[in-house]
Amino acid sequence: RAWSQQIGSQMASVSFISFFPYIRAEKPTI
C-alpha cells in the first residue's frame, strides 16, 4: 500500500495522491 501510493505520487509529480479508502489487491503470483 505505502509503496503503491509513493509510485502514484512520483508518476503524477505530486506529494500526495488522493484516492478512495478501498483498494483491490490481487493474489500474488509466481
PDB file of all heavy atoms in Angstrom:
ATOM      1  N   ARG A   1       0.824  -1.211   0.000  1.00  0.00           N
ATOM      2  CA  ARG A   1       0.000   0.000   0.000  1.00  0.00           C
ATOM      3  C   ARG A   1       0.858   1.261   0.000  1.00  0.00           C
ATOM      4  O   ARG A   1       0.651   2.156  -0.826  1.00  0.00           O
ATOM      5  CB  ARG A   1      -0.927   0.003   1.215  1.00  0.00           C
ATOM      6  CG  ARG A   1      -1.714   1.297   1.336  1.00  0.00           C
ATOM      7  CD  ARG A   1      -2.796   1.237   2.374  1.00  0.00           C
ATOM      8  NE  ARG A   1      -3.426   2.542   2.528  1.00  0.00           N
ATOM      9  CZ  ARG A   1      -4.684   2.730   2.899  1.00  0.00           C
ATOM     10  NH1 ARG A   1      -5.451   1.689   3.121  1.00  0.00           N
ATOM     11  NH2 ARG A   1      -5.184   3.941   3.032  1.00  0.00           N
ATOM     12  N   ALA A   2       1.803   1.349   0.908  1.00  0.00           N
ATOM     13  CA  ALA A   2       2.620   2.569   1.015  1.00  0.00           C
ATOM     14  C   ALA A   2       3.439   2.798  -0.249  1.00  0.00           C
ATOM     15  O   ALA A   2       3.539   3.926  -0.745  1.00  0.00           O
ATOM     16  CB  ALA A   2       3.539   2.467   2.234  1.00  0.00           C
ATOM     17  N   TRP A   3       4.018   1.734  -0.784  1.00  0.00           N
ATOM     18  CA  TRP A   3       4.854   1.877  -1.970  1.00  0.00           C
ATOM     19  C   TRP A   3       4.005   2.203  -3.193  1.00  0.00           C
ATOM     20  O   TRP A   3       4.422   2.977  -4.068  1.00  0.00           O
ATOM     21  CB  TRP A   3       5.669   0.618  -2.189  1.00  0.00           C
ATOM     22  CG  TRP A   3       6.683   0.700  -3.285  1.00  0.00           C
ATOM     23  CD1 TRP A   3       6.927  -0.245  -4.231  1.00  0.00           C
ATOM     24  CD2 TRP A   3       7.621   1.758  -3.541  1.00  0.00           C
ATOM     25  NE1 TRP A   3       7.947   0.153  -5.071  1.00  0.00           N
ATOM     26  CE2 TRP A   3       8.386   1.381  -4.672  1.00  0.00           C
ATOM     27  CE3 TRP A   3       7.876   2.988  -2.935  1.00  0.00           C
ATOM     28  CZ2 TRP A   3       9.384   2.197  -5.208  1.00  0.00           C
ATOM     29  CZ3 TRP A   3       8.874   3.802  -3.465  1.00  0.00           C
ATOM     30  CH2 TRP A   3       9.623   3.405  -4.582  1.00  0.00           C
ATOM     31  N   SER A   4       2.782   1.659  -3.272  1.00  0.00           N
ATOM     32  CA  SER A   4       1.869   1.991  -4.370  1.00  0.00           C
ATOM     33  C   SER A   4       1.540   3.470  -4.363  1.00  0.00           C
ATOM     34  O   SER A   4       1.539   4.129  -5.421  1.00  0.00           O
ATOM     35  CB  SER A   4       0.581   1.174  -4.259  1.00  0.00           C
ATOM     36  OG  SER A   4       0.819  -0.211  -4.416  1.00  0.00           O
ATOM     37  N   GLN A   5       1.261   4.014  -3.185  1.00  0.00           N
ATOM     38  CA  GLN A   5       0.977   5.449  -3.072  1.00  0.00           C
ATOM     39  C   GLN A   5       2.178   6.274  -3.511  1.00  0.00           C
ATOM     40  O   GLN A   5       2.027   7.287  -4.199  1.00  0.00           O
ATOM     41  CB  GLN A   5       0.602   5.800  -1.628  1.00  0.00           C
ATOM     42  CG  GLN A   5      -0.713   5.204  -1.163  1.00  0.00           C
ATOM     43  CD  GLN A   5      -0.966   5.499   0.296  1.00  0.00           C
ATOM     44  OE1 GLN A   5      -0.992   4.607   1.137  1.00  0.00           O
ATOM     45  NE2 GLN A   5      -1.148   6.762   0.625  1.00  0.00           N
ATOM     46  N   GLN A   6       3.365   5.855  -3.100  1.00  0.00           N
ATOM     47  CA  GLN A   6       4.573   6.586  -3.460  1.00  0.00           C
ATOM     48  C   GLN A   6       4.796   6.568  -4.966  1.00  0.00           C
ATOM     49  O   GLN A   6       5.168   7.581  -5.568  1.00  0.00           O
ATOM     50  CB  GLN A   6       5.773   5.975  -2.738  1.00  0.00           C
ATOM     51  CG  GLN A   6       7.097   6.670  -2.998  1.00  0.00           C
ATOM     52  CD  GLN A   6       7.104   8.107  -2.501  1.00  0.00           C
ATOM     53  OE1 GLN A   6       6.393   8.452  -1.563  1.00  0.00           O
ATOM     54  NE2 GLN A   6       7.902   8.949  -3.136  1.00  0.00           N
ATOM     55  N   ILE A   7       4.546   5.426  -5.584  1.00  0.00           N
ATOM     56  CA  ILE A   7       4.694   5.315  -7.040  1.00  0.00           C
ATOM     57  C   ILE A   7       3.718   6.245  -7.744  1.00  0.00           C
ATOM     58  O   ILE A   7       4.078   6.969  -8.683  1.00  0.00           O
ATOM     59  CB  ILE A   7       4.479   3.856  -7.498  1.00  0.00           C
ATOM     60  CG1 ILE A   7       5.645   2.985  -7.039  1.00  0.00           C
ATOM     61  CG2 ILE A   7       4.323   3.785  -9.013  1.00  0.00           C
ATOM     62  CD1 ILE A   7       5.435   1.504  -7.301  1.00  0.00           C
ATOM     63  N   GLY A   8       2.450   6.236  -7.304  1.00  0.00           N
ATOM     64  CA  GLY A   8       1.457   7.118  -7.908  1.00  0.00           C
ATOM     65  C   GLY A   8       1.840   8.580  -7.772  1.00  0.00           C
ATOM     66  O   GLY A   8       1.693   9.362  -8.725  1.00  0.00           O
ATOM     67  N   SER A   9       2.353   8.950  -6.608  1.00  0.00           N
ATOM     68  CA  SER A   9       2.778  10.340  -6.392  1.00  0.00           C
ATOM     69  C   SER A   9       3.928  10.713  -7.313  1.00  0.00           C
ATOM     70  O   SER A   9       3.972  11.821  -7.862  1.00  0.00           O
ATOM     71  CB  SER A   9       3.190  10.529  -4.929  1.00  0.00           C
ATOM     72  OG  SER A   9       2.095  10.317  -4.058  1.00  0.00           O
ATOM     73  N   GLN A  10       4.876   9.798  -7.500  1.00  0.00           N
ATOM     74  CA  GLN A  10       6.005  10.064  -8.385  1.00  0.00           C
ATOM     75  C   GLN A  10       5.558  10.193  -9.831  1.00  0.00           C
ATOM     76  O   GLN A  10       6.034  11.064 -10.570  1.00  0.00           O
ATOM     77  CB  GLN A  10       7.044   8.957  -8.249  1.00  0.00           C
ATOM     78  CG  GLN A  10       7.768   8.937  -6.912  1.00  0.00           C
ATOM     79  CD  GLN A  10       8.822   7.857  -6.841  1.00  0.00           C
ATOM     80  OE1 GLN A  10       9.333   7.396  -7.854  1.00  0.00           O
ATOM     81  NE2 GLN A  10       9.147   7.429  -5.630  1.00  0.00           N
ATOM     82  N   MET A  11       4.644   9.339 -10.251  1.00  0.00           N
ATOM     83  CA  MET A  11       4.176   9.397 -11.633  1.00  0.00           C
ATOM     84  C   MET A  11       3.437  10.702 -11.919  1.00  0.00           C
ATOM     85  O   MET A  11       3.556  11.261 -13.015  1.00  0.00           O
ATOM     86  CB  MET A  11       3.257   8.209 -11.935  1.00  0.00           C
ATOM     87  CG  MET A  11       3.945   6.857 -11.879  1.00  0.00           C
ATOM     88  SD  MET A  11       2.846   5.475 -12.327  1.00  0.00           S
ATOM     89  CE  MET A  11       2.738   5.717 -14.120  1.00  0.00           C
ATOM     90  N   ALA A  12       2.688  11.162 -10.941  1.00  0.00           N
ATOM     91  CA  ALA A  12       1.918  12.393 -11.119  1.00  0.00           C
ATOM     92  C   ALA A  12       2.688  13.640 -10.694  1.00  0.00           C
ATOM     93  O   ALA A  12       2.204  14.760 -10.862  1.00  0.00           O
ATOM     94  CB  ALA A  12       0.620  12.306 -10.325  1.00  0.00           C
ATOM     95  N   SER A  13       3.890  13.439 -10.130  1.00  0.00           N
ATOM     96  CA  SER A  13       4.740  14.562  -9.665  1.00  0.00           C
ATOM     97  C   SER A  13       4.040  15.401  -8.608  1.00  0.00           C
ATOM     98  O   SER A  13       4.062  16.635  -8.635  1.00  0.00           O
ATOM     99  CB  SER A  13       5.173  15.438 -10.838  1.00  0.00           C
ATOM    100  OG  SER A  13       5.965  14.703 -11.740  1.00  0.00           O
ATOM    101  N   VAL A  14       3.380  14.724  -7.665  1.00  0.00           N
ATOM    102  CA  VAL A  14       2.739  15.411  -6.542  1.00  0.00           C
ATOM    103  C   VAL A  14       3.227  14.768  -5.247  1.00  0.00           C
ATOM    104  O   VAL A  14       3.748  13.650  -5.240  1.00  0.00           O
ATOM    105  CB  VAL A  14       1.204  15.320  -6.631  1.00  0.00           C
ATOM    106  CG1 VAL A  14       0.690  16.101  -7.828  1.00  0.00           C
ATOM    107  CG2 VAL A  14       0.733  13.871  -6.697  1.00  0.00           C
ATOM    108  N   SER A  15       3.042  15.485  -4.151  1.00  0.00           N
ATOM    109  CA  SER A  15       3.469  14.960  -2.858  1.00  0.00           C
ATOM    110  C   SER A  15       2.415  14.049  -2.246  1.00  0.00           C
ATOM    111  O   SER A  15       2.711  13.230  -1.371  1.00  0.00           O
ATOM    112  CB  SER A  15       3.767  16.113  -1.897  1.00  0.00           C
ATOM    113  OG  SER A  15       2.624  16.950  -1.758  1.00  0.00           O
ATOM    114  N   PHE A  16       1.180  14.175  -2.709  1.00  0.00           N
ATOM    115  CA  PHE A  16       0.088  13.359  -2.162  1.00  0.00           C
ATOM    116  C   PHE A  16      -0.899  13.060  -3.272  1.00  0.00           C
ATOM    117  O   PHE A  16      -1.270  13.947  -4.047  1.00  0.00           O
ATOM    118  CB  PHE A  16      -0.614  14.096  -1.019  1.00  0.00           C
ATOM    119  CG  PHE A  16      -1.825  13.381  -0.487  1.00  0.00           C
ATOM    120  CD1 PHE A  16      -1.690  12.296   0.357  1.00  0.00           C
ATOM    121  CD2 PHE A  16      -3.096  13.800  -0.843  1.00  0.00           C
ATOM    122  CE1 PHE A  16      -2.809  11.630   0.841  1.00  0.00           C
ATOM    123  CE2 PHE A  16      -4.220  13.142  -0.364  1.00  0.00           C
ATOM    124  CZ  PHE A  16      -4.074  12.059   0.482  1.00  0.00           C
ATOM    125  N   ILE A  17      -1.309  11.821  -3.360  1.00  0.00           N
ATOM    126  CA  ILE A  17      -2.305  11.427  -4.360  1.00  0.00           C
ATOM    127  C   ILE A  17      -3.585  11.017  -3.646  1.00  0.00           C
ATOM    128  O   ILE A  17      -3.556  10.223  -2.697  1.00  0.00           O
ATOM    129  CB  ILE A  17      -1.746  10.296  -5.250  1.00  0.00           C
ATOM    130  CG1 ILE A  17      -2.634  10.072  -6.457  1.00  0.00           C
ATOM    131  CG2 ILE A  17      -1.567   8.997  -4.475  1.00  0.00           C
ATOM    132  CD1 ILE A  17      -1.978   9.230  -7.550  1.00  0.00           C
ATOM    133  N   SER A  18      -4.715  11.571  -4.063  1.00  0.00           N
ATOM    134  CA  SER A  18      -5.983  11.349  -3.373  1.00  0.00           C
ATOM    135  C   SER A  18      -6.728  10.165  -3.973  1.00  0.00           C
ATOM    136  O   SER A  18      -6.956  10.101  -5.187  1.00  0.00           O
ATOM    137  CB  SER A  18      -6.849  12.616  -3.482  1.00  0.00           C
ATOM    138  OG  SER A  18      -8.087  12.426  -2.826  1.00  0.00           O
ATOM    139  N   PHE A  19      -7.109   9.213  -3.107  1.00  0.00           N
ATOM    140  CA  PHE A  19      -7.841   8.034  -3.574  1.00  0.00           C
ATOM    141  C   PHE A  19      -8.852   7.603  -2.521  1.00  0.00           C
ATOM    142  O   PHE A  19      -8.765   7.983  -1.351  1.00  0.00           O
ATOM    143  CB  PHE A  19      -6.877   6.885  -3.892  1.00  0.00           C
ATOM    144  CG  PHE A  19      -6.037   6.454  -2.715  1.00  0.00           C
ATOM    145  CD1 PHE A  19      -6.472   5.454  -1.865  1.00  0.00           C
ATOM    146  CD2 PHE A  19      -4.818   7.061  -2.457  1.00  0.00           C
ATOM    147  CE1 PHE A  19      -5.710   5.055  -0.781  1.00  0.00           C
ATOM    148  CE2 PHE A  19      -4.043   6.676  -1.375  1.00  0.00           C
ATOM    149  CZ  PHE A  19      -4.489   5.674  -0.538  1.00  0.00           C
ATOM    150  N   PHE A  20      -9.817   6.808  -2.947  1.00  0.00           N
ATOM    151  CA  PHE A  20     -10.832   6.306  -2.034  1.00  0.00           C
ATOM    152  C   PHE A  20     -10.234   5.223  -1.129  1.00  0.00           C
ATOM    153  O   PHE A  20      -9.267   4.557  -1.516  1.00  0.00           O
ATOM    154  CB  PHE A  20     -12.020   5.748  -2.815  1.00  0.00           C
ATOM    155  CG  PHE A  20     -12.824   6.803  -3.520  1.00  0.00           C
ATOM    156  CD1 PHE A  20     -12.638   7.050  -4.876  1.00  0.00           C
ATOM    157  CD2 PHE A  20     -13.751   7.568  -2.819  1.00  0.00           C
ATOM    158  CE1 PHE A  20     -13.369   8.028  -5.526  1.00  0.00           C
ATOM    159  CE2 PHE A  20     -14.485   8.551  -3.458  1.00  0.00           C
ATOM    160  CZ  PHE A  20     -14.295   8.790  -4.821  1.00  0.00           C
ATOM    161  N   PRO A  21     -10.794   5.039   0.064  1.00  0.00           N
ATOM    162  CA  PRO A  21     -10.181   4.137   1.051  1.00  0.00           C
ATOM    163  C   PRO A  21     -10.436   2.654   0.803  1.00  0.00           C
ATOM    164  O   PRO A  21     -10.442   1.860   1.731  1.00  0.00           O
ATOM    165  CB  PRO A  21     -10.822   4.575   2.373  1.00  0.00           C
ATOM    166  CG  PRO A  21     -12.159   5.085   1.984  1.00  0.00           C
ATOM    167  CD  PRO A  21     -11.957   5.748   0.650  1.00  0.00           C
ATOM    168  N   TYR A  22     -10.661   2.277  -0.426  1.00  0.00           N
ATOM    169  CA  TYR A  22     -10.750   0.846  -0.733  1.00  0.00           C
ATOM    170  C   TYR A  22      -9.785   0.544  -1.867  1.00  0.00           C
ATOM    171  O   TYR A  22      -9.635   1.311  -2.808  1.00  0.00           O
ATOM    172  CB  TYR A  22     -12.172   0.414  -1.082  1.00  0.00           C
ATOM    173  CG  TYR A  22     -12.886   1.252  -2.119  1.00  0.00           C
ATOM    174  CD1 TYR A  22     -12.721   1.004  -3.484  1.00  0.00           C
ATOM    175  CD2 TYR A  22     -13.722   2.293  -1.734  1.00  0.00           C
ATOM    176  CE1 TYR A  22     -13.377   1.763  -4.431  1.00  0.00           C
ATOM    177  CE2 TYR A  22     -14.375   3.063  -2.669  1.00  0.00           C
ATOM    178  CZ  TYR A  22     -14.207   2.800  -4.019  1.00  0.00           C
ATOM    179  OH  TYR A  22     -14.847   3.566  -4.955  1.00  0.00           O
ATOM    180  N   ILE A  23      -9.132  -0.579  -1.739  1.00  0.00           N
ATOM    181  CA  ILE A  23      -8.089  -0.968  -2.676  1.00  0.00           C
ATOM    182  C   ILE A  23      -8.341  -2.414  -3.104  1.00  0.00           C
ATOM    183  O   ILE A  23      -8.695  -3.255  -2.275  1.00  0.00           O
ATOM    184  CB  ILE A  23      -6.697  -0.869  -2.026  1.00  0.00           C
ATOM    185  CG1 ILE A  23      -6.457   0.559  -1.523  1.00  0.00           C
ATOM    186  CG2 ILE A  23      -5.602  -1.269  -3.000  1.00  0.00           C
ATOM    187  CD1 ILE A  23      -5.248   0.677  -0.622  1.00  0.00           C
ATOM    188  N   ARG A  24      -8.146  -2.668  -4.365  1.00  0.00           N
ATOM    189  CA  ARG A  24      -8.277  -4.048  -4.846  1.00  0.00           C
ATOM    190  C   ARG A  24      -6.881  -4.646  -4.976  1.00  0.00           C
ATOM    191  O   ARG A  24      -6.047  -4.122  -5.713  1.00  0.00           O
ATOM    192  CB  ARG A  24      -8.988  -4.090  -6.191  1.00  0.00           C
ATOM    193  CG  ARG A  24      -9.349  -5.529  -6.615  1.00  0.00           C
ATOM    194  CD  ARG A  24     -10.252  -5.545  -7.823  1.00  0.00           C
ATOM    195  NE  ARG A  24      -9.520  -5.147  -9.027  1.00  0.00           N
ATOM    196  CZ  ARG A  24     -10.031  -4.356  -9.969  1.00  0.00           C
ATOM    197  NH1 ARG A  24     -11.228  -3.842  -9.817  1.00  0.00           N
ATOM    198  NH2 ARG A  24      -9.320  -4.070 -11.045  1.00  0.00           N
ATOM    199  N   ALA A  25      -6.654  -5.717  -4.258  1.00  0.00           N
ATOM    200  CA  ALA A  25      -5.344  -6.369  -4.292  1.00  0.00           C
ATOM    201  C   ALA A  25      -5.499  -7.783  -4.823  1.00  0.00           C
ATOM    202  O   ALA A  25      -6.297  -8.571  -4.301  1.00  0.00           O
ATOM    203  CB  ALA A  25      -4.729  -6.391  -2.900  1.00  0.00           C
ATOM    204  N   GLU A  26      -4.748  -8.098  -5.871  1.00  0.00           N
ATOM    205  CA  GLU A  26      -4.793  -9.427  -6.449  1.00  0.00           C
ATOM    206  C   GLU A  26      -3.901 -10.381  -5.656  1.00  0.00           C
ATOM    207  O   GLU A  26      -2.952  -9.954  -4.993  1.00  0.00           O
ATOM    208  CB  GLU A  26      -4.328  -9.392  -7.909  1.00  0.00           C
ATOM    209  CG  GLU A  26      -5.089  -8.411  -8.793  1.00  0.00           C
ATOM    210  CD  GLU A  26      -6.539  -8.798  -8.987  1.00  0.00           C
ATOM    211  OE1 GLU A  26      -6.866  -9.979  -8.762  1.00  0.00           O
ATOM    212  OE2 GLU A  26      -7.352  -7.928  -9.343  1.00  0.00           O
ATOM    213  N   LYS A  27      -4.209 -11.657  -5.716  1.00  0.00           N
ATOM    214  CA  LYS A  27      -3.380 -12.663  -5.052  1.00  0.00           C
ATOM    215  C   LYS A  27      -2.013 -12.689  -5.738  1.00  0.00           C
ATOM    216  O   LYS A  27      -1.935 -12.738  -6.968  1.00  0.00           O
ATOM    217  CB  LYS A  27      -4.045 -14.031  -5.135  1.00  0.00           C
ATOM    218  CG  LYS A  27      -3.286 -15.127  -4.403  1.00  0.00           C
ATOM    219  CD  LYS A  27      -4.021 -16.450  -4.499  1.00  0.00           C
ATOM    220  CE  LYS A  27      -3.252 -17.560  -3.786  1.00  0.00           C
ATOM    221  NZ  LYS A  27      -3.953 -18.864  -3.865  1.00  0.00           N
ATOM    222  N   PRO A  28      -0.915 -12.646  -4.973  1.00  0.00           N
ATOM    223  CA  PRO A  28       0.415 -12.663  -5.610  1.00  0.00           C
ATOM    224  C   PRO A  28       0.631 -13.930  -6.418  1.00  0.00           C
ATOM    225  O   PRO A  28       0.175 -15.017  -6.046  1.00  0.00           O
ATOM    226  CB  PRO A  28       1.369 -12.581  -4.412  1.00  0.00           C
ATOM    227  CG  PRO A  28       0.577 -13.028  -3.232  1.00  0.00           C
ATOM    228  CD  PRO A  28      -0.832 -12.607  -3.506  1.00  0.00           C
ATOM    229  N   THR A  29       1.324 -13.776  -7.530  1.00  0.00           N
ATOM    230  CA  THR A  29       1.574 -14.909  -8.418  1.00  0.00           C
ATOM    231  C   THR A  29       3.069 -15.031  -8.713  1.00  0.00           C
ATOM    232  O   THR A  29       3.797 -14.044  -8.713  1.00  0.00           O
ATOM    233  CB  THR A  29       0.817 -14.748  -9.749  1.00  0.00           C
ATOM    234  OG1 THR A  29       1.221 -13.506 -10.374  1.00  0.00           O
ATOM    235  CG2 THR A  29      -0.681 -14.728  -9.519  1.00  0.00           C
ATOM    236  N   ILE A  30       3.482 -16.262  -8.971  1.00  0.00           N
ATOM    237  CA  ILE A  30       4.856 -16.506  -9.384  1.00  0.00           C
ATOM    238  C   ILE A  30       4.907 -16.440 -10.902  1.00  0.00           C
ATOM    239  O   ILE A  30       4.150 -17.123 -11.585  1.00  0.00           O
ATOM    240  CB  ILE A  30       5.344 -17.881  -8.902  1.00  0.00           C
ATOM    241  CG1 ILE A  30       5.324 -17.939  -7.371  1.00  0.00           C
ATOM    242  CG2 ILE A  30       6.743 -18.181  -9.418  1.00  0.00           C
ATOM    243  CD1 ILE A  30       5.647 -19.302  -6.804  1.00  0.00           C
TER     244      ILE A  30
END
